Amino acid sequence: MEIATYLVIVALVLQYPLLESRIQKIQRRADRIERKLDLILGHLEIQVAEPGLERVADLLREGKKLEAIKVYRQLTDADLKEAKEAVERMDAARG
């Protein structure tokens, strides 16, 4: 029984790099699609308000950009780069 357990563990360890590579490829593709969608929405001048982001907009109006990025990350589980870019887009769209 122990040998079977070890074999399963070894098989999983050997599969990890393949799974990680595939996940990264899917993430890059999703990022490209999102950028294209953002360009299309911008070209059509369509603003999509995400639920719960009113607090982020309020912080931007108050000039608290770093706090807005922090709140955006909490609301969306975005990483720092993604949150910064999103908040900067919101700030630019605001005027």
PDB file of N, CA and C in Angstrom:
ATOM      1  N   MET A   1       0.819  -1.203   0.000  1.00  0.00           N
ATOM      2  CA  MET A   1       0.000   0.000   0.000  1.00  0.00           C
ATOM      3  C   MET A   1       0.852   1.251   0.000  1.00  0.00           C
ATOM      4  N   GLU A   2       1.951   1.220   0.733  1.00  0.00           N
ATOM      5  CA  GLU A   2       2.821   2.385   0.793  1.00  0.00           C
ATOM      6  C   GLU A   2       3.469   2.678  -0.555  1.00  0.00           C
ATOM      7  N   ILE A   3       3.817   1.654  -1.276  1.00  0.00           N
ATOM      8  CA  ILE A   3       4.450   1.847  -2.583  1.00  0.00           C
ATOM      9  C   ILE A   3       3.480   2.528  -3.541  1.00  0.00           C
ATOM     10  N   ALA A   4       2.233   2.137  -3.511  1.00  0.00           N
ATOM     11  CA  ALA A   4       1.230   2.765  -4.379  1.00  0.00           C
ATOM     12  C   ALA A   4       1.073   4.240  -4.029  1.00  0.00           C
ATOM     13  N   THR A   5       1.089   4.563  -2.756  1.00  0.00           N
ATOM     14  CA  THR A   5       0.980   5.960  -2.318  1.00  0.00           C
ATOM     15  C   THR A   5       2.166   6.761  -2.823  1.00  0.00           C
ATOM     16  N   TYR A   6       3.364   6.220  -2.689  1.00  0.00           N
ATOM     17  CA  TYR A   6       4.565   6.902  -3.163  1.00  0.00           C
ATOM     18  C   TYR A   6       4.540   7.102  -4.672  1.00  0.00           C
ATOM     19  N   LEU A   7       4.061   6.103  -5.378  1.00  0.00           N
ATOM     20  CA  LEU A   7       3.977   6.210  -6.837  1.00  0.00           C
ATOM     21  C   LEU A   7       3.006   7.310  -7.254  1.00  0.00           C
ATOM     22  N   VAL A   8       1.898   7.421  -6.554  1.00  0.00           N
ATOM     23  CA  VAL A   8       0.928   8.476  -6.844  1.00  0.00           C
ATOM     24  C   VAL A   8       1.551   9.841  -6.569  1.00  0.00           C
ATOM     25  N   ILE A   9       2.256   9.968  -5.464  1.00  0.00           N
ATOM     26  CA  ILE A   9       2.906  11.233  -5.122  1.00  0.00           C
ATOM     27  C   ILE A   9       3.949  11.591  -6.168  1.00  0.00           C
ATOM     28  N   VAL A  10       4.756  10.652  -6.582  1.00  0.00           N
ATOM     29  CA  VAL A  10       5.777  10.896  -7.611  1.00  0.00           C
ATOM     30  C   VAL A  10       5.115  11.309  -8.923  1.00  0.00           C
ATOM     31  N   ALA A  11       4.044  10.649  -9.290  1.00  0.00           N
ATOM     32  CA  ALA A  11       3.335  11.002 -10.528  1.00  0.00           C
ATOM     33  C   ALA A  11       2.806  12.428 -10.453  1.00  0.00           C
ATOM     34  N   LEU A  12       2.250  12.820  -9.313  1.00  0.00           N
ATOM     35  CA  LEU A  12       1.740  14.182  -9.154  1.00  0.00           C
ATOM     36  C   LEU A  12       2.870  15.202  -9.221  1.00  0.00           C
ATOM     37  N   VAL A  13       3.976  14.907  -8.594  1.00  0.00           N
ATOM     38  CA  VAL A  13       5.121  15.821  -8.613  1.00  0.00           C
ATOM     39  C   VAL A  13       5.637  15.987 -10.039  1.00  0.00           C
ATOM     40  N   LEU A  14       5.670  14.917 -10.793  1.00  0.00           N
ATOM     41  CA  LEU A  14       6.146  14.989 -12.175  1.00  0.00           C
ATOM     42  C   LEU A  14       5.170  15.753 -13.075  1.00  0.00           C
ATOM     43  N   GLN A  15       3.895  15.735 -12.747  1.00  0.00           N
ATOM     44  CA  GLN A  15       2.886  16.427 -13.550  1.00  0.00           C
ATOM     45  C   GLN A  15       2.793  17.912 -13.232  1.00  0.00           C
ATOM     46  N   TYR A  16       3.289  18.334 -12.075  1.00  0.00           N
ATOM     47  CA  TYR A  16       3.158  19.728 -11.636  1.00  0.00           C
ATOM     48  C   TYR A  16       3.711  20.733 -12.651  1.00  0.00           C
ATOM     49  N   PRO A  17       4.925  20.563 -13.178  1.00  0.00           N
ATOM     50  CA  PRO A  17       5.433  21.549 -14.153  1.00  0.00           C
ATOM     51  C   PRO A  17       4.547  21.664 -15.395  1.00  0.00           C
ATOM     52  N   LEU A  18       3.995  20.558 -15.831  1.00  0.00           N
ATOM     53  CA  LEU A  18       3.113  20.597 -16.997  1.00  0.00           C
ATOM     54  C   LEU A  18       1.841  21.371 -16.692  1.00  0.00           C
ATOM     55  N   LEU A  19       1.277  21.145 -15.522  1.00  0.00           N
ATOM     56  CA  LEU A  19       0.059  21.851 -15.129  1.00  0.00           C
ATOM     57  C   LEU A  19       0.335  23.341 -14.940  1.00  0.00           C
ATOM     58  N   GLU A  20       1.455  23.670 -14.303  1.00  0.00           N
ATOM     59  CA  GLU A  20       1.796  25.072 -14.085  1.00  0.00           C
ATOM     60  C   GLU A  20       2.002  25.795 -15.410  1.00  0.00           C
ATOM     61  N   SER A  21       2.656  25.147 -16.344  1.00  0.00           N
ATOM     62  CA  SER A  21       2.876  25.734 -17.663  1.00  0.00           C
ATOM     63  C   SER A  21       1.546  25.985 -18.377  1.00  0.00           C
ATOM     64  N   ARG A  22       0.660  25.028 -18.294  1.00  0.00           N
ATOM     65  CA  ARG A  22      -0.657  25.170 -18.936  1.00  0.00           C
ATOM     66  C   ARG A  22      -1.466  26.298 -18.292  1.00  0.00           C
ATOM     67  N   ILE A  23      -1.413  26.402 -16.984  1.00  0.00           N
ATOM     68  CA  ILE A  23      -2.138  27.467 -16.278  1.00  0.00           C
ATOM     69  C   ILE A  23      -1.590  28.831 -16.688  1.00  0.00           C
ATOM     70  N   GLN A  24      -0.268  28.957 -16.773  1.00  0.00           N
ATOM     71  CA  GLN A  24       0.337  30.222 -17.192  1.00  0.00           C
ATOM     72  C   GLN A  24      -0.059  30.582 -18.619  1.00  0.00           C
ATOM     73  N   LYS A  25      -0.130  29.598 -19.490  1.00  0.00           N
ATOM     74  CA  LYS A  25      -0.543  29.842 -20.876  1.00  0.00           C
ATOM     75  C   LYS A  25      -1.985  30.332 -20.923  1.00  0.00           C
ATOM     76  N   ILE A  26      -2.863  29.715 -20.150  1.00  0.00           N
ATOM     77  CA  ILE A  26      -4.262  30.129 -20.099  1.00  0.00           C
ATOM     78  C   ILE A  26      -4.383  31.533 -19.526  1.00  0.00           C
ATOM     79  N   GLN A  27      -3.577  31.843 -18.503  1.00  0.00           N
ATOM     80  CA  GLN A  27      -3.619  33.177 -17.902  1.00  0.00           C
ATOM     81  C   GLN A  27      -3.165  34.248 -18.897  1.00  0.00           C
ATOM     82  N   ARG A  28      -2.099  33.979 -19.649  1.00  0.00           N
ATOM     83  CA  ARG A  28      -1.644  34.936 -20.668  1.00  0.00           C
ATOM     84  C   ARG A  28      -2.716  35.159 -21.728  1.00  0.00           C
ATOM     85  N   ARG A  29      -3.380  34.083 -22.121  1.00  0.00           N
ATOM     86  CA  ARG A  29      -4.451  34.211 -23.124  1.00  0.00           C
ATOM     87  C   ARG A  29      -5.616  35.036 -22.577  1.00  0.00           C
ATOM     88  N   ALA A  30      -5.999  34.783 -21.330  1.00  0.00           N
ATOM     89  CA  ALA A  30      -7.079  35.553 -20.705  1.00  0.00           C
ATOM     90  C   ALA A  30      -6.693  37.024 -20.591  1.00  0.00           C
ATOM     91  N   ASP A  31      -5.437  37.304 -20.271  1.00  0.00           N
ATOM     92  CA  ASP A  31      -4.972  38.694 -20.183  1.00  0.00           C
ATOM     93  C   ASP A  31      -5.062  39.391 -21.539  1.00  0.00           C
ATOM     94  N   ARG A  32      -4.666  38.677 -22.609  1.00  0.00           N
ATOM     95  CA  ARG A  32      -4.766  39.268 -23.959  1.00  0.00           C
ATOM     96  C   ARG A  32      -6.216  39.549 -24.333  1.00  0.00           C
ATOM     97  N   ILE A  33      -7.100  38.621 -24.032  1.00  0.00           N
ATOM     98  CA  ILE A  33      -8.524  38.809 -24.337  1.00  0.00           C
ATOM     99  C   ILE A  33      -9.078  39.997 -23.561  1.00  0.00           C
ATOM    100  N   GLU A  34      -8.695  40.116 -22.292  1.00  0.00           N
ATOM    101  CA  GLU A  34      -9.181  41.227 -21.477  1.00  0.00           C
ATOM    102  C   GLU A  34      -8.679  42.567 -22.022  1.00  0.00           C
ATOM    103  N   ARG A  35      -7.406  42.622 -22.433  1.00  0.00           N
ATOM    104  CA  ARG A  35      -6.883  43.867 -23.015  1.00  0.00           C
ATOM    105  C   ARG A  35      -7.634  44.237 -24.290  1.00  0.00           C
ATOM    106  N   LYS A  36      -7.913  43.247 -25.130  1.00  0.00           N
ATOM    107  CA  LYS A  36      -8.660  43.513 -26.365  1.00  0.00           C
ATOM    108  C   LYS A  36     -10.069  44.003 -26.055  1.00  0.00           C
ATOM    109  N   LEU A  37     -10.705  43.383 -25.092  1.00  0.00           N
ATOM    110  CA  LEU A  37     -12.053  43.801 -24.706  1.00  0.00           C
ATOM    111  C   LEU A  37     -12.034  45.227 -24.166  1.00  0.00           C
ATOM    112  N   ASP A  38     -11.024  45.554 -23.363  1.00  0.00           N
ATOM    113  CA  ASP A  38     -10.903  46.923 -22.850  1.00  0.00           C
ATOM    114  C   ASP A  38     -10.744  47.921 -23.994  1.00  0.00           C
ATOM    115  N   LEU A  39      -9.959  47.563 -25.005  1.00  0.00           N
ATOM    116  CA  LEU A  39      -9.778  48.449 -26.167  1.00  0.00           C
ATOM    117  C   LEU A  39     -11.090  48.643 -26.920  1.00  0.00           C
ATOM    118  N   ILE A  40     -11.835  47.559 -27.099  1.00  0.00           N
ATOM    119  CA  ILE A  40     -13.120  47.644 -27.795  1.00  0.00           C
ATOM    120  C   ILE A  40     -14.085  48.529 -27.021  1.00  0.00           C
ATOM    121  N   LEU A  41     -14.184  48.304 -25.711  1.00  0.00           N
ATOM    122  CA  LEU A  41     -15.079  49.120 -24.882  1.00  0.00           C
ATOM    123  C   LEU A  41     -14.657  50.584 -24.913  1.00  0.00           C
ATOM    124  N   GLY A  42     -13.353  50.829 -24.866  1.00  0.00           N
ATOM    125  CA  GLY A  42     -12.858  52.203 -24.937  1.00  0.00           C
ATOM    126  C   GLY A  42     -13.170  52.848 -26.273  1.00  0.00           C
ATOM    127  N   HIS A  43     -12.993  52.094 -27.347  1.00  0.00           N
ATOM    128  CA  HIS A  43     -13.281  52.622 -28.685  1.00  0.00           C
ATOM    129  C   HIS A  43     -14.763  52.966 -28.842  1.00  0.00           C
ATOM    130  N   LEU A  44     -15.603  52.134 -28.279  1.00  0.00           N
ATOM    131  CA  LEU A  44     -17.047  52.373 -28.349  1.00  0.00           C
ATOM    132  C   LEU A  44     -17.529  53.330 -27.262  1.00  0.00           C
ATOM    133  N   GLU A  45     -16.598  53.779 -26.437  1.00  0.00           N
ATOM    134  CA  GLU A  45     -16.896  54.696 -25.332  1.00  0.00           C
ATOM    135  C   GLU A  45     -17.968  54.136 -24.402  1.00  0.00           C
ATOM    136  N   ILE A  46     -17.827  52.860 -24.103  1.00  0.00           N
ATOM    137  CA  ILE A  46     -18.746  52.187 -23.197  1.00  0.00           C
ATOM    138  C   ILE A  46     -18.062  52.050 -21.848  1.00  0.00           C
ATOM    139  N   GLN A  47     -18.718  52.520 -20.815  1.00  0.00           N
ATOM    140  CA  GLN A  47     -18.204  52.417 -19.456  1.00  0.00           C
ATOM    141  C   GLN A  47     -18.956  51.290 -18.749  1.00  0.00           C
ATOM    142  N   VAL A  48     -18.233  50.345 -18.221  1.00  0.00           N
ATOM    143  CA  VAL A  48     -18.838  49.239 -17.501  1.00  0.00           C
ATOM    144  C   VAL A  48     -18.509  49.415 -16.024  1.00  0.00           C
ATOM    145  N   ALA A  49     -19.511  49.723 -15.255  1.00  0.00           N
ATOM    146  CA  ALA A  49     -19.313  49.904 -13.814  1.00  0.00           C
ATOM    147  C   ALA A  49     -19.383  48.547 -13.133  1.00  0.00           C
ATOM    148  N   GLU A  50     -18.312  48.200 -12.442  1.00  0.00           N
ATOM    149  CA  GLU A  50     -18.288  46.937 -11.721  1.00  0.00           C
ATOM    150  C   GLU A  50     -18.910  47.153 -10.345  1.00  0.00           C
ATOM    151  N   PRO A  51     -19.696  46.212  -9.894  1.00  0.00           N
ATOM    152  CA  PRO A  51     -20.356  46.375  -8.599  1.00  0.00           C
ATOM    153  C   PRO A  51     -19.336  46.502  -7.469  1.00  0.00           C
ATOM    154  N   GLY A  52     -19.603  47.408  -6.558  1.00  0.00           N
ATOM    155  CA  GLY A  52     -18.758  47.577  -5.396  1.00  0.00           C
ATOM    156  C   GLY A  52     -17.598  48.535  -5.576  1.00  0.00           C
ATOM    157  N   LEU A  53     -17.414  49.046  -6.789  1.00  0.00           N
ATOM    158  CA  LEU A  53     -16.265  49.916  -7.030  1.00  0.00           C
ATOM    159  C   LEU A  53     -16.571  51.391  -6.777  1.00  0.00           C
ATOM    160  N   GLU A  54     -17.748  51.667  -6.235  1.00  0.00           N
ATOM    161  CA  GLU A  54     -18.080  53.062  -5.928  1.00  0.00           C
ATOM    162  C   GLU A  54     -17.101  53.634  -4.914  1.00  0.00           C
ATOM    163  N   ARG A  55     -16.685  52.795  -3.961  1.00  0.00           N
ATOM    164  CA  ARG A  55     -15.719  53.242  -2.937  1.00  0.00           C
ATOM    165  C   ARG A  55     -14.393  53.622  -3.593  1.00  0.00           C
ATOM    166  N   VAL A  56     -13.975  52.869  -4.594  1.00  0.00           N
ATOM    167  CA  VAL A  56     -12.730  53.178  -5.305  1.00  0.00           C
ATOM    168  C   VAL A  56     -12.869  54.527  -6.006  1.00  0.00           C
ATOM    169  N   ALA A  57     -14.005  54.747  -6.665  1.00  0.00           N
ATOM    170  CA  ALA A  57     -14.239  56.022  -7.347  1.00  0.00           C
ATOM    171  C   ALA A  57     -14.258  57.175  -6.350  1.00  0.00           C
ATOM    172  N   ASP A  58     -14.867  56.949  -5.182  1.00  0.00           N
ATOM    173  CA  ASP A  58     -14.887  57.990  -4.145  1.00  0.00           C
ATOM    174  C   ASP A  58     -13.473  58.341  -3.695  1.00  0.00           C
ATOM    175  N   LEU A  59     -12.642  57.327  -3.508  1.00  0.00           N
ATOM    176  CA  LEU A  59     -11.262  57.569  -3.083  1.00  0.00           C
ATOM    177  C   LEU A  59     -10.478  58.331  -4.151  1.00  0.00           C
ATOM    178  N   LEU A  60     -10.740  58.022  -5.409  1.00  0.00           N
ATOM    179  CA  LEU A  60     -10.071  58.758  -6.491  1.00  0.00           C
ATOM    180  C   LEU A  60     -10.489  60.224  -6.480  1.00  0.00           C
ATOM    181  N   ARG A  61     -11.764  60.466  -6.260  1.00  0.00           N
ATOM    182  CA  ARG A  61     -12.245  61.860  -6.197  1.00  0.00           C
ATOM    183  C   ARG A  61     -11.593  62.621  -5.043  1.00  0.00           C
ATOM    184  N   GLU A  62     -11.284  61.894  -3.979  1.00  0.00           N
ATOM    185  CA  GLU A  62     -10.646  62.512  -2.815  1.00  0.00           C
ATOM    186  C   GLU A  62      -9.132  62.628  -2.985  1.00  0.00           C
ATOM    187  N   GLY A  63      -8.616  62.125  -4.103  1.00  0.00           N
ATOM    188  CA  GLY A  63      -7.182  62.194  -4.355  1.00  0.00           C
ATOM    189  C   GLY A  63      -6.373  61.129  -3.627  1.00  0.00           C
ATOM    190  N   LYS A  64      -7.010  60.054  -3.205  1.00  0.00           N
ATOM    191  CA  LYS A  64      -6.348  58.981  -2.454  1.00  0.00           C
ATOM    192  C   LYS A  64      -6.135  57.768  -3.364  1.00  0.00           C
ATOM    193  N   LYS A  65      -5.229  57.920  -4.313  1.00  0.00           N
ATOM    194  CA  LYS A  65      -5.010  56.894  -5.325  1.00  0.00           C
ATOM    195  C   LYS A  65      -4.471  55.585  -4.728  1.00  0.00           C
ATOM    196  N   LEU A  66      -3.523  55.668  -3.809  1.00  0.00           N
ATOM    197  CA  LEU A  66      -2.963  54.450  -3.214  1.00  0.00           C
ATOM    198  C   LEU A  66      -4.025  53.687  -2.415  1.00  0.00           C
ATOM    199  N   GLU A  67      -4.837  54.403  -1.699  1.00  0.00           N
ATOM    200  CA  GLU A  67      -5.924  53.766  -0.956  1.00  0.00           C
ATOM    201  C   GLU A  67      -6.932  53.143  -1.925  1.00  0.00           C
ATOM    202  N   ALA A  68      -7.177  53.814  -3.052  1.00  0.00           N
ATOM    203  CA  ALA A  68      -8.093  53.285  -4.064  1.00  0.00           C
ATOM    204  C   ALA A  68      -7.563  51.969  -4.625  1.00  0.00           C
ATOM    205  N   ILE A  69      -6.253  51.904  -4.861  1.00  0.00           N
ATOM    206  CA  ILE A  69      -5.648  50.666  -5.367  1.00  0.00           C
ATOM    207  C   ILE A  69      -5.806  49.552  -4.332  1.00  0.00           C
ATOM    208  N   LYS A  70      -5.573  49.877  -3.079  1.00  0.00           N
ATOM    209  CA  LYS A  70      -5.708  48.887  -2.006  1.00  0.00           C
ATOM    210  C   LYS A  70      -7.137  48.351  -1.927  1.00  0.00           C
ATOM    211  N   VAL A  71      -8.110  49.236  -1.973  1.00  0.00           N
ATOM    212  CA  VAL A  71      -9.511  48.818  -1.906  1.00  0.00           C
ATOM    213  C   VAL A  71      -9.885  48.000  -3.140  1.00  0.00           C
ATOM    214  N   TYR A  72      -9.402  48.423  -4.305  1.00  0.00           N
ATOM    215  CA  TYR A  72      -9.676  47.675  -5.540  1.00  0.00           C
ATOM    216  C   TYR A  72      -9.156  46.244  -5.412  1.00  0.00           C
ATOM    217  N   ARG A  73      -7.954  46.093  -4.870  1.00  0.00           N
ATOM    218  CA  ARG A  73      -7.386  44.754  -4.694  1.00  0.00           C
ATOM    219  C   ARG A  73      -8.243  43.914  -3.758  1.00  0.00           C
ATOM    220  N   GLN A  74      -8.733  44.521  -2.692  1.00  0.00           N
ATOM    221  CA  GLN A  74      -9.569  43.789  -1.744  1.00  0.00           C
ATOM    222  C   GLN A  74     -10.878  43.344  -2.384  1.00  0.00           C
ATOM    223  N   LEU A  75     -11.444  44.208  -3.212  1.00  0.00           N
ATOM    224  CA  LEU A  75     -12.739  43.898  -3.830  1.00  0.00           C
ATOM    225  C   LEU A  75     -12.645  42.871  -4.944  1.00  0.00           C
ATOM    226  N   THR A  76     -11.523  42.891  -5.685  1.00  0.00           N
ATOM    227  CA  THR A  76     -11.436  42.069  -6.892  1.00  0.00           C
ATOM    228  C   THR A  76     -10.424  40.938  -6.830  1.00  0.00           C
ATOM    229  N   ASP A  77      -9.644  40.876  -5.769  1.00  0.00           N
ATOM    230  CA  ASP A  77      -8.556  39.882  -5.659  1.00  0.00           C
ATOM    231  C   ASP A  77      -7.524  40.037  -6.771  1.00  0.00           C
ATOM    232  N   ALA A  78      -7.397  41.243  -7.316  1.00  0.00           N
ATOM    233  CA  ALA A  78      -6.418  41.509  -8.364  1.00  0.00           C
ATOM    234  C   ALA A  78      -5.028  41.631  -7.743  1.00  0.00           C
ATOM    235  N   ASP A  79      -4.000  41.355  -8.561  1.00  0.00           N
ATOM    236  CA  ASP A  79      -2.650  41.591  -8.067  1.00  0.00           C
ATOM    237  C   ASP A  79      -2.353  43.087  -8.143  1.00  0.00           C
ATOM    238  N   LEU A  80      -1.201  43.486  -7.625  1.00  0.00           N
ATOM    239  CA  LEU A  80      -0.888  44.907  -7.518  1.00  0.00           C
ATOM    240  C   LEU A  80      -0.848  45.593  -8.882  1.00  0.00           C
ATOM    241  N   LYS A  81      -0.205  44.946  -9.852  1.00  0.00           N
ATOM    242  CA  LYS A  81      -0.084  45.549 -11.192  1.00  0.00           C
ATOM    243  C   LYS A  81      -1.459  45.739 -11.834  1.00  0.00           C
ATOM    244  N   GLU A  82      -2.264  44.701 -11.782  1.00  0.00           N
ATOM    245  CA  GLU A  82      -3.594  44.759 -12.378  1.00  0.00           C
ATOM    246  C   GLU A  82      -4.454  45.830 -11.703  1.00  0.00           C
ATOM    247  N   ALA A  83      -4.370  45.892 -10.374  1.00  0.00           N
ATOM    248  CA  ALA A  83      -5.157  46.877  -9.634  1.00  0.00           C
ATOM    249  C   ALA A  83      -4.703  48.293  -9.969  1.00  0.00           C
ATOM    250  N   LYS A  84      -3.399  48.507 -10.057  1.00  0.00           N
ATOM    251  CA  LYS A  84      -2.864  49.830 -10.378  1.00  0.00           C
ATOM    252  C   LYS A  84      -3.339  50.267 -11.762  1.00  0.00           C
ATOM    253  N   GLU A  85      -3.247  49.361 -12.737  1.00  0.00           N
ATOM    254  CA  GLU A  85      -3.680  49.690 -14.096  1.00  0.00           C
ATOM    255  C   GLU A  85      -5.181  49.999 -14.138  1.00  0.00           C
ATOM    256  N   ALA A  86      -5.968  49.214 -13.433  1.00  0.00           N
ATOM    257  CA  ALA A  86      -7.421  49.423 -13.429  1.00  0.00           C
ATOM    258  C   ALA A  86      -7.777  50.756 -12.785  1.00  0.00           C
ATOM    259  N   VAL A  87      -7.136  51.070 -11.668  1.00  0.00           N
ATOM    260  CA  VAL A  87      -7.424  52.332 -10.987  1.00  0.00           C
ATOM    261  C   VAL A  87      -6.960  53.513 -11.843  1.00  0.00           C
ATOM    262  N   GLU A  88      -5.826  53.363 -12.512  1.00  0.00           N
ATOM    263  CA  GLU A  88      -5.371  54.444 -13.397  1.00  0.00           C
ATOM    264  C   GLU A  88      -6.335  54.642 -14.561  1.00  0.00           C
ATOM    265  N   ARG A  89      -6.896  53.546 -15.082  1.00  0.00           N
ATOM    266  CA  ARG A  89      -7.901  53.682 -16.148  1.00  0.00           C
ATOM    267  C   ARG A  89      -9.140  54.400 -15.628  1.00  0.00           C
ATOM    268  N   MET A  90      -9.555  54.038 -14.415  1.00  0.00           N
ATOM    269  CA  MET A  90     -10.722  54.701 -13.811  1.00  0.00           C
ATOM    270  C   MET A  90     -10.441  56.182 -13.609  1.00  0.00           C
ATOM    271  N   ASP A  91      -9.235  56.502 -13.173  1.00  0.00           N
ATOM    272  CA  ASP A  91      -8.865  57.891 -12.929  1.00  0.00           C
ATOM    273  C   ASP A  91      -8.822  58.673 -14.231  1.00  0.00           C
ATOM    274  N   ALA A  92      -8.292  58.061 -15.289  1.00  0.00           N
ATOM    275  CA  ALA A  92      -8.219  58.737 -16.589  1.00  0.00           C
ATOM    276  C   ALA A  92      -9.620  58.932 -17.165  1.00  0.00           C
ATOM    277  N   ALA A  93     -10.489  57.957 -17.004  1.00  0.00           N
ATOM    278  CA  ALA A  93     -11.852  58.071 -17.519  1.00  0.00           C
ATOM    279  C   ALA A  93     -12.644  59.130 -16.760  1.00  0.00           C
ATOM    280  N   ARG A  94     -12.273  59.332 -15.501  1.00  0.00           N
ATOM    281  CA  ARG A  94     -12.947  60.317 -14.673  1.00  0.00           C
ATOM    282  C   ARG A  94     -12.655  61.733 -15.149  1.00  0.00           C
ATOM    283  N   GLY A  95     -11.477  61.906 -15.746  1.00  0.00           N
ATOM    284  CA  GLY A  95     -11.178  63.241 -16.302  1.00  0.00           C
ATOM    285  C   GLY A  95     -10.059  63.880 -15.700  1.00  0.00           C
TER     286      GLY A  95
END
